[in-house]
Amino acid sequence: MAAAKKKSTKKSSGSKKSSNSTLTVIILIAVIGFGAIYSFTGKDVLGIFTPTEEAPPAGAPVEDPVAQPDAPPPVSNTSSGWWEVYFADPLNINDPEIWQNSIEARLIDKINAAQTSIHIASFEFDLTPVAEALVAAKARGVDVRWVTDDEHGLEADEEPGHGQFAMLEDAGIEIKDDGRSALMHNKFWIFDGQLVWTGSTNITVNGIFKQNNNVIAIRSTKLAEIYEREFQEMWEGEHGIRSPSTVDQQSVTVNGTPVQVLFAAEDGVIGHLIPIVENAQSSIRFLAFSFTDYPLAKAMIDRAAAGVDVAGVFEKVGSETEHAELRTLHCAGVPVRQDGNPSFLHHKLIIVDERIVMTGSLNYSTNAEESNDENVIIIDNPEIAALYIQEFERVWTQGSDPDPADIKCE
């Protein structure tokens, strides 16, 4: 029986080889046939001639998985491990119904990734997809809390097109406002005590889809601690000048980059910005929604007189008020422009020597300096500064010189 079994096994093996040979011939004939079709028609019927896309090399940009086929190009952004920078692009990304490539999507990414806490100090709010993401975060156990302005926050939530704060409250998310005439004008988010999101951008249709704005997100537990301390003060009802200053504890170094944080009204913010401007050696660039602070303008004029290259863009409407410093700078020979955005240039940004970036929620005005809740971050990093310089140049190109007929220099 064993011998018969062995003989039977050999016969089966021979049959398999014969079958494999026949199959090989069939496959070759098929490949040649489909190859002929591909050569003459360009149609790859089986998908065997079209090369598969290789995985991108490490560090190469990857297509946004939530992007829609008909969506506009992604929002301008660059990241380097521990930081991310984003700029609103109202010329190209201006449809709130197609938000997947906007700053809004980047914020929702952060919300969806949060594991323990999302603490928010943000002035205005009217974006339903963000509200939905926060409700989902709350449902999975994340501690979500929001401090906002009374008039422009909770009271405005009753207006048409709003109701997003009500969505949060219905989901059990606690919201507090400042309950005072001055503004809770901050724009910062803290994720898991590890990541800070800040800049000039309100979480609104206007802020993300119509205005010129910026966001910087930095991953650092020490930096998050600084913002968390300010958040907790406001959560306990300490606003404006009543809030204690801890400015001597608001400087950190993140991956070799010095970072300083300032809060209004308690820290006397503009008084800290002016010395940095006064120490400029080669260049000063600024983009300003509201710029009515004469000492800051005077510091820029003095540096221009000393040979520093100074230039800036004002929000057009804001620059035409009697208190704006556009005329002061223009008449001193400093190149200034009015922005070309039919909505608003909403940046609050100064770049010194192409390495120091000062941005945040604070307008260069007395109310912002002395009354409001505001935050400013100062980052000494040439790579980050280069991105803000690019944004300055983009806004400068879109702007226009002041009409001499509107400005009388004595």
Protein backbone atom coordinates (compact mmCIF):
# COMPACT_ATOMS: atom_id res chain seq x y z
CA MET A 1 0.00 0.00 0.00
CA ALA A 2 2.82 2.33 0.79
CA ALA A 3 4.43 1.77 -2.63
CA ALA A 4 1.13 2.33 -4.42
CA LYS A 5 0.56 5.49 -2.45
CA LYS A 6 4.00 6.78 -3.39
CA LYS A 7 3.40 6.06 -7.10
CA SER A 8 0.03 7.83 -6.94
CA THR A 9 1.69 10.87 -5.35
CA LYS A 10 4.24 11.17 -8.18
CA LYS A 11 1.46 10.97 -10.78
CA SER A 12 -0.47 13.76 -9.05
CA SER A 13 2.66 15.93 -8.93
CA GLY A 14 3.19 15.45 -12.62
CA SER A 15 -0.39 16.46 -13.35
CA LYS A 16 0.05 19.64 -11.24
CA LYS A 17 3.17 20.62 -13.20
CA SER A 18 1.30 20.08 -16.47
CA SER A 19 -1.60 22.23 -15.23
CA ASN A 20 0.77 24.99 -14.02
CA SER A 21 2.47 25.06 -17.42
CA THR A 22 -0.86 25.38 -19.19
CA LEU A 23 -1.92 28.18 -16.79
CA THR A 24 1.35 30.01 -17.38
CA VAL A 25 0.84 29.91 -21.15
CA ILE A 26 -2.72 31.25 -20.73
CA ILE A 27 -1.53 34.11 -18.48
CA LEU A 28 1.23 35.05 -20.94
CA ILE A 29 -1.24 35.11 -23.82
CA ALA A 30 -3.63 37.28 -21.73
CA VAL A 31 -0.88 39.72 -20.73
CA ILE A 32 0.26 40.03 -24.36
CA GLY A 33 -3.35 40.62 -25.42
CA PHE A 34 -4.07 43.25 -22.78
CA GLY A 35 -0.68 44.81 -23.51
CA ALA A 36 -1.72 45.22 -27.14
CA ILE A 37 -4.97 46.88 -26.02
CA TYR A 38 -3.03 49.24 -23.72
CA SER A 39 -0.54 50.10 -26.50
CA PHE A 40 -3.25 50.99 -29.04
CA THR A 41 -5.94 52.51 -26.79
CA GLY A 42 -4.14 53.63 -23.65
CA LYS A 43 -6.73 51.76 -21.56
CA ASP A 44 -5.26 49.68 -18.76
CA VAL A 45 -8.17 47.24 -18.41
CA LEU A 46 -6.70 45.27 -15.50
CA GLY A 47 -4.65 48.04 -13.97
CA ILE A 48 -1.42 46.08 -14.46
CA PHE A 49 0.47 48.60 -16.56
CA THR A 50 -0.30 51.74 -14.54
CA PRO A 51 2.40 52.14 -11.86
CA THR A 52 1.16 52.21 -8.28
CA GLU A 53 1.83 55.38 -6.30
CA GLU A 54 4.76 54.99 -3.96
CA ALA A 55 4.46 56.08 -0.36
CA PRO A 56 5.87 59.59 0.07
CA PRO A 57 9.27 59.88 1.70
CA ALA A 58 9.44 60.78 5.37
CA GLY A 59 8.57 64.42 5.91
CA ALA A 60 6.84 64.84 2.54
CA PRO A 61 3.38 66.46 2.59
CA VAL A 62 0.52 63.97 2.63
CA GLU A 63 -2.87 64.61 1.05
CA ASP A 64 -5.48 65.63 3.60
CA PRO A 65 -7.66 62.54 4.09
CA VAL A 66 -10.77 64.66 4.67
CA ALA A 67 -10.33 66.83 1.59
CA GLN A 68 -13.15 66.77 -0.91
CA PRO A 69 -12.37 66.29 -4.63
CA ASP A 70 -13.76 69.72 -5.50
CA ALA A 71 -12.29 71.47 -2.47
CA PRO A 72 -9.86 74.40 -2.94
CA PRO A 73 -6.14 73.97 -2.26
CA PRO A 74 -5.19 73.43 1.41
CA VAL A 75 -4.79 76.41 3.71
CA SER A 76 -1.26 77.79 3.75
CA ASN A 77 0.57 75.96 6.49
CA THR A 78 3.92 74.69 7.56
CA SER A 79 4.92 72.61 10.54
CA SER A 80 8.12 71.43 12.14
CA GLY A 81 7.30 68.80 14.71
CA TRP A 82 6.65 71.06 17.66
CA TRP A 83 5.04 74.02 15.88
CA GLU A 84 2.47 74.69 13.16
CA VAL A 85 1.64 77.96 11.39
CA TYR A 86 -1.54 78.68 9.41
CA PHE A 87 -2.80 81.70 7.50
CA ALA A 88 -6.34 82.38 6.39
CA ASP A 89 -6.59 82.77 2.62
CA PRO A 90 -9.83 84.63 1.84
CA LEU A 91 -9.04 84.85 -1.88
CA ASN A 92 -8.95 81.07 -2.32
CA ILE A 93 -10.56 79.50 0.76
CA ASN A 94 -13.71 81.48 1.41
CA ASP A 95 -16.63 79.02 1.42
CA PRO A 96 -17.61 77.90 4.94
CA GLU A 97 -19.52 74.99 3.38
CA ILE A 98 -16.20 73.60 2.11
CA TRP A 99 -14.21 73.85 5.31
CA GLN A 100 -12.13 70.66 5.02
CA ASN A 101 -8.99 72.48 3.83
CA SER A 102 -9.34 75.53 6.05
CA ILE A 103 -8.04 76.59 9.45
CA GLU A 104 -11.35 75.27 10.81
CA ALA A 105 -10.37 71.74 9.74
CA ARG A 106 -6.98 72.04 11.42
CA LEU A 107 -8.70 73.07 14.65
CA ILE A 108 -11.16 70.18 14.41
CA ASP A 109 -8.18 67.82 13.99
CA LYS A 110 -6.88 69.05 17.34
CA ILE A 111 -10.28 68.67 18.98
CA ASN A 112 -10.67 65.13 17.68
CA ALA A 113 -7.21 64.19 18.95
CA ALA A 114 -7.76 65.56 22.48
CA GLN A 115 -7.76 62.92 25.22
CA THR A 116 -8.22 64.74 28.53
CA SER A 117 -8.95 68.47 28.26
CA ILE A 118 -9.77 71.35 25.93
CA HIS A 119 -9.72 74.73 27.66
CA ILE A 120 -10.74 77.67 25.50
CA ALA A 121 -10.51 81.45 25.88
CA SER A 122 -12.00 82.74 22.66
CA PHE A 123 -13.88 85.94 21.83
CA GLU A 124 -16.52 84.92 19.26
CA PHE A 125 -17.96 81.68 17.89
CA ASP A 126 -20.32 80.67 15.08
CA LEU A 127 -18.89 77.50 13.46
CA THR A 128 -21.22 74.50 13.79
CA PRO A 129 -18.66 71.82 12.74
CA VAL A 130 -16.39 72.99 15.57
CA ALA A 131 -19.30 72.86 18.01
CA GLU A 132 -20.11 69.32 16.88
CA ALA A 133 -16.49 68.24 17.39
CA LEU A 134 -16.48 69.72 20.89
CA VAL A 135 -19.75 67.96 21.75
CA ALA A 136 -18.22 64.67 20.57
CA ALA A 137 -15.11 65.34 22.69
CA LYS A 138 -17.28 65.95 25.74
CA ALA A 139 -19.16 62.69 25.05
CA ARG A 140 -15.92 60.71 25.11
CA GLY A 141 -14.96 62.17 28.48
CA VAL A 142 -12.81 65.19 27.57
CA ASP A 143 -13.01 68.15 29.99
CA VAL A 144 -14.25 70.94 27.67
CA ARG A 145 -14.61 74.45 29.09
CA TRP A 146 -14.91 77.84 27.40
CA VAL A 147 -14.40 81.44 28.59
CA THR A 148 -15.84 84.03 26.23
CA ASP A 149 -17.01 87.63 26.02
CA ASP A 150 -20.48 88.47 27.28
CA GLU A 151 -21.72 90.76 24.48
CA HIS A 152 -19.85 89.18 21.55
CA GLY A 153 -20.01 85.67 22.95
CA LEU A 154 -23.05 84.40 24.84
CA GLU A 155 -25.34 87.33 24.02
CA ALA A 156 -24.46 87.17 20.32
CA ASP A 157 -25.28 83.45 20.38
CA GLU A 158 -28.96 84.38 20.29
CA GLU A 159 -28.59 86.15 16.95
CA PRO A 160 -29.49 84.56 13.57
CA GLY A 161 -26.77 82.22 12.29
CA HIS A 162 -25.51 81.55 15.80
CA GLY A 163 -26.60 79.09 18.49
CA GLN A 164 -23.32 77.16 18.69
CA PHE A 165 -22.76 78.04 22.35
CA ALA A 166 -26.27 76.73 23.04
CA MET A 167 -25.26 73.46 21.37
CA LEU A 168 -22.32 73.19 23.76
CA GLU A 169 -24.38 73.98 26.83
CA ASP A 170 -27.02 71.44 25.83
CA ALA A 171 -24.23 68.85 25.75
CA GLY A 172 -23.16 69.74 29.30
CA ILE A 173 -20.18 71.91 28.35
CA GLU A 174 -19.77 74.78 30.80
CA ILE A 175 -19.27 78.28 29.39
CA LYS A 176 -18.49 81.45 31.32
CA ASP A 177 -18.34 85.05 30.12
CA ASP A 178 -16.52 88.04 31.55
CA GLY A 179 -19.66 90.02 32.47
CA ARG A 180 -18.12 93.44 31.95
CA SER A 181 -17.95 96.30 29.45
CA ALA A 182 -14.35 95.60 28.40
CA LEU A 183 -13.70 92.67 26.08
CA MET A 184 -12.65 89.11 26.76
CA HIS A 185 -10.77 89.32 23.46
CA ASN A 186 -8.40 86.34 23.85
CA LYS A 187 -8.00 83.72 21.14
CA PHE A 188 -6.25 80.71 22.66
CA TRP A 189 -6.99 77.01 23.08
CA ILE A 190 -5.12 74.53 25.29
CA PHE A 191 -5.28 70.83 24.41
CA ASP A 192 -4.45 68.14 26.99
CA GLY A 193 -2.15 70.56 28.83
CA GLN A 194 0.36 70.00 26.03
CA LEU A 195 -0.58 72.06 22.97
CA VAL A 196 -1.38 75.78 22.67
CA TRP A 197 -3.29 77.19 19.69
CA THR A 198 -3.28 81.00 19.42
CA GLY A 199 -2.98 83.94 17.03
CA SER A 200 -5.38 86.55 15.66
CA THR A 201 -8.13 84.22 14.42
CA ASN A 202 -11.64 84.24 15.86
CA ILE A 203 -13.47 80.93 15.45
CA THR A 204 -16.04 82.42 13.11
CA VAL A 205 -17.00 82.44 9.44
CA ASN A 206 -15.52 85.93 9.13
CA GLY A 207 -12.34 85.08 11.00
CA ILE A 208 -11.49 82.02 8.91
CA PHE A 209 -13.11 82.61 5.52
CA LYS A 210 -13.18 86.40 5.01
CA GLN A 211 -10.40 88.06 6.98
CA ASN A 212 -6.61 87.91 6.87
CA ASN A 213 -5.58 86.06 10.04
CA ASN A 214 -2.89 83.80 11.46
CA VAL A 215 -2.64 80.85 13.82
CA ILE A 216 0.38 79.37 15.54
CA ALA A 217 0.15 76.09 17.45
CA ILE A 218 3.03 75.06 19.72
CA ARG A 219 3.46 71.74 21.49
CA SER A 220 5.03 72.37 24.91
CA THR A 221 3.76 71.43 28.36
CA LYS A 222 5.60 74.39 29.92
CA LEU A 223 4.03 76.83 27.49
CA ALA A 224 0.63 75.23 28.06
CA GLU A 225 1.09 75.75 31.81
CA ILE A 226 1.42 79.51 31.24
CA TYR A 227 -1.81 79.70 29.25
CA GLU A 228 -3.55 77.31 31.61
CA ARG A 229 -2.76 79.59 34.55
CA GLU A 230 -4.35 82.53 32.72
CA PHE A 231 -7.36 80.42 31.75
CA GLN A 232 -7.95 79.36 35.36
CA GLU A 233 -7.75 82.99 36.54
CA MET A 234 -10.48 84.00 34.10
CA TRP A 235 -12.50 80.89 34.95
CA GLU A 236 -12.49 82.13 38.56
CA GLY A 237 -13.68 85.57 37.46
CA GLU A 238 -10.39 87.49 37.38
CA HIS A 239 -10.41 89.66 34.27
CA GLY A 240 -8.49 92.62 32.91
CA ILE A 241 -6.38 94.64 35.31
CA ARG A 242 -7.80 92.66 38.26
CA SER A 243 -5.97 89.59 37.05
CA PRO A 244 -2.59 89.13 38.78
CA SER A 245 0.50 89.48 36.59
CA THR A 246 2.95 86.57 36.47
CA VAL A 247 5.01 88.05 33.64
CA ASP A 248 8.28 86.97 35.26
CA GLN A 249 7.09 83.35 34.91
CA GLN A 250 5.95 83.58 31.29
CA SER A 251 9.13 82.82 29.35
CA VAL A 252 10.16 79.35 28.18
CA THR A 253 12.53 77.79 25.69
CA VAL A 254 10.98 75.24 23.35
CA ASN A 255 13.40 73.16 21.28
CA GLY A 256 16.00 75.91 21.50
CA THR A 257 13.51 78.68 20.63
CA PRO A 258 12.90 81.44 23.22
CA VAL A 259 9.18 82.07 23.70
CA GLN A 260 7.60 84.78 25.84
CA VAL A 261 3.89 85.21 26.62
CA LEU A 262 2.17 88.43 27.68
CA PHE A 263 -1.38 89.00 28.89
CA ALA A 264 -3.37 92.23 28.95
CA ALA A 265 -4.29 94.12 30.86
CA GLU A 266 -2.12 92.99 33.74
CA ASP A 267 1.27 92.73 31.99
CA GLY A 268 1.47 96.14 30.27
CA VAL A 269 1.94 94.38 26.95
CA ILE A 270 2.85 97.24 24.60
CA GLY A 271 5.45 98.38 27.11
CA HIS A 272 7.16 95.02 26.54
CA LEU A 273 6.84 95.17 22.75
CA ILE A 274 8.39 98.62 22.34
CA PRO A 275 11.91 97.63 23.58
CA ILE A 276 11.98 94.78 21.05
CA VAL A 277 11.10 97.25 18.30
CA GLU A 278 13.70 99.70 19.61
CA ASN A 279 16.37 96.99 19.38
CA ALA A 280 15.61 96.15 15.75
CA GLN A 281 18.85 96.06 13.73
CA SER A 282 17.75 95.43 10.14
CA SER A 283 13.98 95.34 9.60
CA ILE A 284 10.51 95.79 11.08
CA ARG A 285 7.34 94.57 9.39
CA PHE A 286 3.82 94.89 10.78
CA LEU A 287 0.22 94.03 9.87
CA ALA A 288 -2.37 95.81 12.01
CA PHE A 289 -6.14 95.74 12.30
CA SER A 290 -6.07 98.65 14.74
CA PHE A 291 -2.95 100.71 15.42
CA THR A 292 -3.56 103.80 17.51
CA ASP A 293 -0.64 103.60 19.97
CA TYR A 294 1.68 106.56 19.38
CA PRO A 295 4.66 105.35 21.50
CA LEU A 296 4.83 102.16 19.41
CA ALA A 297 4.61 104.19 16.19
CA LYS A 298 7.32 106.54 17.48
CA ALA A 299 9.63 103.60 18.20
CA MET A 300 9.21 102.44 14.61
CA ILE A 301 9.84 105.94 13.24
CA ASP A 302 13.02 106.25 15.31
CA ARG A 303 14.34 102.93 14.02
CA ALA A 304 13.54 103.95 10.45
CA ALA A 305 15.51 107.16 11.01
CA ALA A 306 18.41 105.02 12.23
CA GLY A 307 18.45 103.07 8.95
CA VAL A 308 16.23 100.12 9.83
CA ASP A 309 13.93 98.99 7.02
CA VAL A 310 10.40 99.59 8.37
CA ALA A 311 7.12 98.93 6.53
CA GLY A 312 3.56 98.01 7.45
CA VAL A 313 0.00 97.46 6.30
CA PHE A 314 -3.04 98.90 8.08
CA GLU A 315 -6.60 97.65 7.88
CA LYS A 316 -8.16 100.21 5.54
CA VAL A 317 -11.23 101.13 7.58
CA GLY A 318 -9.35 101.28 10.87
CA SER A 319 -6.56 103.39 9.39
CA GLU A 320 -8.97 106.15 8.40
CA THR A 321 -10.02 106.98 11.96
CA GLU A 322 -8.61 110.13 13.50
CA HIS A 323 -6.64 108.17 16.11
CA ALA A 324 -4.90 105.77 13.70
CA GLU A 325 -1.13 106.05 13.37
CA LEU A 326 -1.14 105.63 9.57
CA ARG A 327 -0.74 109.36 9.07
CA THR A 328 2.00 109.57 11.72
CA LEU A 329 4.10 106.89 10.04
CA HIS A 330 3.37 108.02 6.47
CA CYS A 331 4.28 111.61 7.18
CA ALA A 332 7.52 110.43 8.84
CA GLY A 333 8.49 108.71 5.59
CA VAL A 334 7.78 105.15 6.71
CA PRO A 335 6.31 103.05 3.85
CA VAL A 336 2.77 102.09 4.84
CA ARG A 337 -0.18 100.71 2.93
CA GLN A 338 -3.88 100.08 3.39
CA ASP A 339 -4.99 96.50 2.88
CA GLY A 340 -6.86 95.30 -0.19
CA ASN A 341 -9.16 92.79 1.52
CA PRO A 342 -12.81 93.80 0.97
CA SER A 343 -13.48 92.37 4.43
CA PHE A 344 -10.75 93.01 7.04
CA LEU A 345 -7.06 92.66 7.59
CA HIS A 346 -7.35 91.25 11.11
CA HIS A 347 -3.69 90.46 11.92
CA LYS A 348 -2.02 91.91 15.01
CA LEU A 349 1.53 91.15 13.97
CA ILE A 350 5.05 92.58 14.20
CA ILE A 351 8.15 90.85 12.80
CA VAL A 352 11.59 92.14 13.82
CA ASP A 353 14.86 91.36 12.03
CA GLU A 354 13.20 88.43 10.21
CA ARG A 355 13.45 86.31 13.35
CA ILE A 356 11.21 87.67 16.12
CA VAL A 357 7.45 87.23 15.67
CA MET A 358 4.96 89.01 17.94
CA THR A 359 1.36 87.92 17.36
CA GLY A 360 -1.84 87.23 19.24
CA SER A 361 -5.15 88.89 19.98
CA LEU A 362 -3.94 92.35 21.06
CA ASN A 363 -4.61 95.35 18.84
CA TYR A 364 -2.18 98.22 19.29
CA SER A 365 -4.65 100.42 21.15
CA THR A 366 -5.34 101.84 24.59
CA ASN A 367 -8.41 99.68 25.22
CA ALA A 368 -6.54 96.51 24.35
CA GLU A 369 -3.59 97.53 26.48
CA GLU A 370 -5.44 98.78 29.55
CA SER A 371 -8.85 97.11 29.72
CA ASN A 372 -9.31 93.94 27.68
CA ASP A 373 -8.29 90.34 28.26
CA GLU A 374 -5.66 89.77 25.55
CA ASN A 375 -2.70 87.53 24.85
CA VAL A 376 0.51 87.99 22.85
CA ILE A 377 3.16 85.42 22.07
CA ILE A 378 6.74 86.41 21.14
CA ILE A 379 8.79 83.78 19.31
CA ASP A 380 12.47 84.14 18.36
CA ASN A 381 12.78 81.71 15.45
CA PRO A 382 13.93 82.62 11.89
CA GLU A 383 12.14 79.66 10.30
CA ILE A 384 8.81 80.68 11.78
CA ALA A 385 9.49 84.35 11.04
CA ALA A 386 10.11 83.54 7.37
CA LEU A 387 6.53 82.29 7.05
CA TYR A 388 5.16 85.47 8.58
CA ILE A 389 7.34 87.53 6.25
CA GLN A 390 5.77 85.66 3.32
CA GLU A 391 2.33 86.53 4.66
CA PHE A 392 3.38 90.17 5.04
CA GLU A 393 4.57 90.28 1.44
CA ARG A 394 1.33 88.72 0.21
CA VAL A 395 -0.78 91.27 2.09
CA TRP A 396 1.54 94.12 1.06
CA THR A 397 1.15 93.19 -2.61
CA GLN A 398 -2.63 93.17 -2.30
CA GLY A 399 -2.64 96.56 -0.55
CA SER A 400 -2.38 100.07 -1.87
CA ASP A 401 -0.56 103.26 -0.94
CA PRO A 402 -2.58 105.87 0.97
CA ASP A 403 -4.22 108.53 -1.16
CA PRO A 404 -2.19 111.73 -0.64
CA ALA A 405 -5.44 113.69 -0.88
CA ASP A 406 -6.64 111.97 2.29
CA ILE A 407 -3.47 112.60 4.29
CA LYS A 408 -2.24 116.08 5.03
CA CYS A 409 1.31 116.22 6.37
CA GLU A 410 2.25 119.49 8.06
